[in-house]
Protein backbone atom coordinates (compact mmCIF):
# COMPACT_ATOMS: atom_id res chain seq x y z
CA MET A 1 34.63 -70.14 62.91
CA LEU A 2 37.59 -68.73 60.63
CA LYS A 3 37.94 -72.33 59.03
CA ASP A 4 34.27 -71.87 57.81
CA VAL A 5 34.94 -68.51 56.40
CA LEU A 6 38.21 -69.18 54.81
CA GLU A 7 36.42 -72.41 53.15
CA ASP A 8 33.52 -70.24 52.07
CA VAL A 9 36.18 -67.70 50.30
CA LEU A 10 37.98 -70.63 48.84
CA GLU A 11 34.87 -72.10 47.36
CA GLU A 12 33.88 -68.32 45.86
CA LEU A 13 37.66 -68.04 44.29
CA LYS A 14 37.24 -71.54 42.78
CA GLU A 15 33.60 -70.59 41.09
CA SER A 16 35.16 -67.33 40.03
CA ASN A 17 37.90 -68.83 38.40
CA ARG A 18 35.40 -71.30 36.50
CA SER A 19 33.36 -68.73 35.40
CA LEU A 20 36.76 -67.19 34.13
CA THR A 21 37.91 -69.64 32.14
CA ASP A 22 34.33 -70.07 30.48
CA ALA A 23 34.68 -66.71 29.94
CA ARG A 24 37.88 -67.32 28.15
CA THR A 25 36.72 -70.01 26.00
CA ARG A 26 33.65 -68.50 24.88
CA LEU A 27 35.41 -65.26 24.40
CA SER A 28 38.34 -67.02 22.11
CA ALA A 29 35.14 -68.79 19.93
CA LEU A 30 33.42 -65.49 19.44
CA GLU A 31 36.61 -64.13 17.99
CA GLU A 32 37.07 -67.18 15.67
CA LYS A 33 33.53 -66.08 14.42
CA VAL A 34 34.14 -62.52 14.09
CA GLY A 35 37.25 -63.90 11.94
CA GLY A 36 35.15 -65.93 9.77
CA PHE A 37 32.80 -63.00 9.10
CA GLU A 38 35.20 -60.53 8.43
CA GLN A 39 37.08 -63.09 6.27
CA LYS A 40 33.97 -63.64 4.52
CA LEU A 41 33.20 -59.72 3.80
CA THR A 42 36.63 -59.56 2.12
CA ASP A 43 36.16 -62.33 -0.26
CA GLN A 44 32.36 -61.28 -1.11
CA GLN A 45 31.92 -59.04 -4.15
CA VAL A 46 28.71 -56.93 -4.24
CA ILE A 47 27.20 -56.46 -7.38
CA VAL A 48 24.54 -53.78 -7.67
CA HIS A 49 22.83 -53.69 -10.97
CA PRO A 50 21.61 -49.47 -12.06
CA PRO A 51 18.06 -49.46 -10.62
CA ASP A 52 15.50 -48.84 -13.47
CA LEU A 53 14.39 -45.34 -12.69
CA ASP A 54 11.76 -44.56 -15.82
CA PRO A 55 8.69 -45.31 -13.80
CA VAL A 56 10.06 -42.81 -11.05
CA ILE A 57 10.68 -40.11 -13.06
CA ARG A 58 7.34 -40.42 -14.95
CA LEU A 59 5.58 -40.57 -11.93
CA ILE A 60 7.45 -37.77 -10.60
CA GLY A 61 6.58 -35.82 -14.04
CA GLU A 62 3.35 -36.37 -14.11
CA GLN A 63 2.83 -34.91 -10.20
CA GLY A 64 5.16 -32.02 -11.33
CA LYS A 65 2.47 -31.11 -14.06
CA ARG A 66 -0.43 -31.55 -11.38
CA SER A 67 1.39 -29.56 -8.91
CA GLU A 68 2.41 -27.07 -11.53
CA ILE A 69 -1.19 -26.82 -12.62
CA GLN A 70 -2.39 -26.53 -8.78
CA THR A 71 0.17 -23.92 -8.00
CA GLU A 72 -1.27 -21.59 -10.72
CA ALA A 73 -4.51 -21.88 -10.31
CA GLN A 74 -3.83 -21.03 -6.28
CA VAL A 75 -1.64 -18.40 -7.68
CA SER A 76 -4.35 -16.94 -10.26
CA VAL A 77 -6.84 -17.04 -7.12
CA ILE A 78 -4.46 -15.13 -5.05
CA ARG A 79 -3.68 -12.65 -8.12
CA THR A 80 -7.69 -12.32 -8.02
CA GLU A 81 -8.00 -11.77 -4.61
CA THR A 82 -5.10 -9.33 -3.88
CA GLU A 83 -6.82 -7.25 -7.02
CA ALA A 84 -9.98 -6.77 -5.64
CA GLY A 85 -8.69 -6.00 -1.99
CA LEU A 86 -6.61 -3.36 -4.04
CA ARG A 87 -9.60 -2.11 -6.08
CA ARG A 88 -11.31 -1.80 -2.32
CA LEU A 89 -8.54 -0.08 -0.89
CA ALA A 90 -8.39 2.62 -3.79
CA ALA A 91 -11.85 3.12 -3.18
CA ALA A 92 -11.74 3.60 0.02
CA VAL A 93 -8.62 6.07 -0.36
CA GLU A 94 -10.46 8.03 -3.18
CA THR A 95 -13.69 8.71 -0.78
CA GLN A 96 -11.63 10.14 2.56
CA PRO A 97 -10.94 13.71 2.04
CA LYS A 98 -7.63 15.01 0.56
CA PRO A 99 -5.88 17.86 2.53
CA ILE A 100 -4.37 20.19 0.49
CA VAL A 101 -0.66 20.76 0.91
CA ARG A 102 0.94 23.38 -0.51
CA ARG A 103 4.70 23.93 -0.48
CA ILE A 104 7.47 25.81 -2.03
CA CYS A 105 10.03 23.90 -3.91
CA PHE A 106 13.08 25.42 -4.96
CA PHE A 107 14.42 22.38 -7.22
CA PRO A 108 10.80 20.32 -8.58
CA GLU A 109 11.12 17.40 -9.92
CA ASN A 110 9.11 17.95 -12.91
CA ASP A 111 10.15 21.39 -14.21
CA TYR A 112 8.07 21.77 -17.52
CA SER A 113 8.33 25.86 -17.05
CA GLY A 114 12.30 26.13 -16.95
CA SER A 115 12.19 27.78 -13.81
CA TYR A 116 14.75 25.56 -12.60
CA LYS A 117 17.43 26.16 -15.37
CA HIS A 118 16.50 29.80 -14.87
CA PHE A 119 17.17 30.04 -11.35
CA ILE A 120 20.34 27.72 -11.58
CA THR A 121 21.82 30.16 -14.51
CA CYS A 122 20.98 33.30 -12.13
CA LEU A 123 22.77 32.03 -9.30
CA PHE A 124 25.81 30.89 -11.15
CA TRP A 125 25.68 34.69 -13.05
CA GLY A 126 25.06 36.57 -9.63
CA ILE A 127 28.17 34.44 -7.95
CA MET A 128 30.38 35.03 -10.85
CA GLY A 129 29.38 38.90 -10.68
CA ALA A 130 29.92 39.12 -6.85
CA LEU A 131 33.48 37.66 -7.10
CA LEU A 132 34.16 40.07 -9.91
CA ILE A 133 33.21 42.81 -7.95
CA CYS A 134 35.28 41.87 -4.99
CA GLY A 135 38.00 41.06 -7.17
CA LEU A 136 38.10 44.71 -8.62
CA TYR A 137 37.48 46.12 -5.41
CA SER A 138 40.59 44.59 -3.95
CA LEU A 139 42.61 45.42 -6.89
CA GLY A 140 41.35 49.28 -7.25
CA SER A 141 42.53 49.30 -2.94
CA GLN A 142 45.56 48.18 -4.03
CA TYR A 143 46.20 50.65 -6.62
CA LEU A 144 45.13 53.67 -4.43
CA ASP A 145 47.62 52.58 -1.84
CA ARG A 146 50.41 52.42 -4.35
CA GLN A 147 49.35 56.09 -5.40
CA PRO A 148 50.95 59.41 -3.45
CA TYR A 149 48.49 61.15 -1.27
CA PRO A 150 48.10 64.81 -2.74
CA ALA A 151 49.24 67.51 -0.53
CA PRO A 152 46.64 69.36 1.58
CA MET A 153 45.22 72.48 0.85
CA VAL A 154 46.32 75.34 3.23
CA MET A 155 43.22 78.05 3.64
CA PRO A 156 44.09 81.50 4.84
CA ALA A 157 43.22 82.29 8.74
CA ASP A 158 40.95 85.05 7.80
CA THR A 159 38.76 83.07 5.62
CA ILE A 160 38.10 80.32 8.21
CA SER A 161 37.69 82.89 10.74
CA LYS A 162 34.70 84.33 8.33
CA ALA A 163 33.03 81.34 7.79
CA ASN A 164 32.76 80.78 11.67
CA ALA A 165 31.47 84.06 12.92
CA PRO A 166 27.79 84.77 13.42
CA PRO A 167 25.92 86.68 10.65
CA HIS A 168 25.65 90.65 11.13
CA PRO A 169 22.56 91.65 13.02
CA ALA A 170 22.08 94.80 10.63
CA SER A 171 21.73 92.56 7.78
CA LYS A 172 19.24 91.80 6.23
CA LYS A 173 19.99 89.58 3.83
CA SER A 174 20.98 87.16 6.36
CA ARG A 175 17.46 86.81 7.89
CA PRO A 176 14.96 84.35 7.25
CA PRO A 177 11.77 85.90 6.23
CA LYS A 178 9.03 86.03 8.69
CA LEU A 179 5.86 84.30 8.11
CA ARG A 180 2.57 85.62 8.02
């Protein structure tokens, strides 16, 4: 039995060796053919004449003119449709009631009466006046701080007591008049 198995393996090896040698011979033949093709390609010179593009250019020009005409026609159709739609939209907006909006605008876009210029001028001179008053106050306070204080007046004691004394009850002059 072992002998049969070994003979089968030997036959398979012989067969694979034969197929391997066949493949080698085919491969060498293919290599020769490829080498021949490469030689032919290197030896060949390809000469390409410039193509005649005049008919193509004429055809493209004609189609371009046609497409421009079609495009202009399409644009004009779109333009008329858009204008009609905008007119309808404007008519719809005009028919709706408009709210009254009143607002105070200190800086108007169109100042025909000159109030903006007047406002800015008054604001500028008001700020300048305020700065002038603050500066004069500061200088005046510094000036007054440098001046010596006058001596306080001393009043005699009897004038102070007379000023604080109640009016004499017997005196008619000090009483208010009676109302009837």
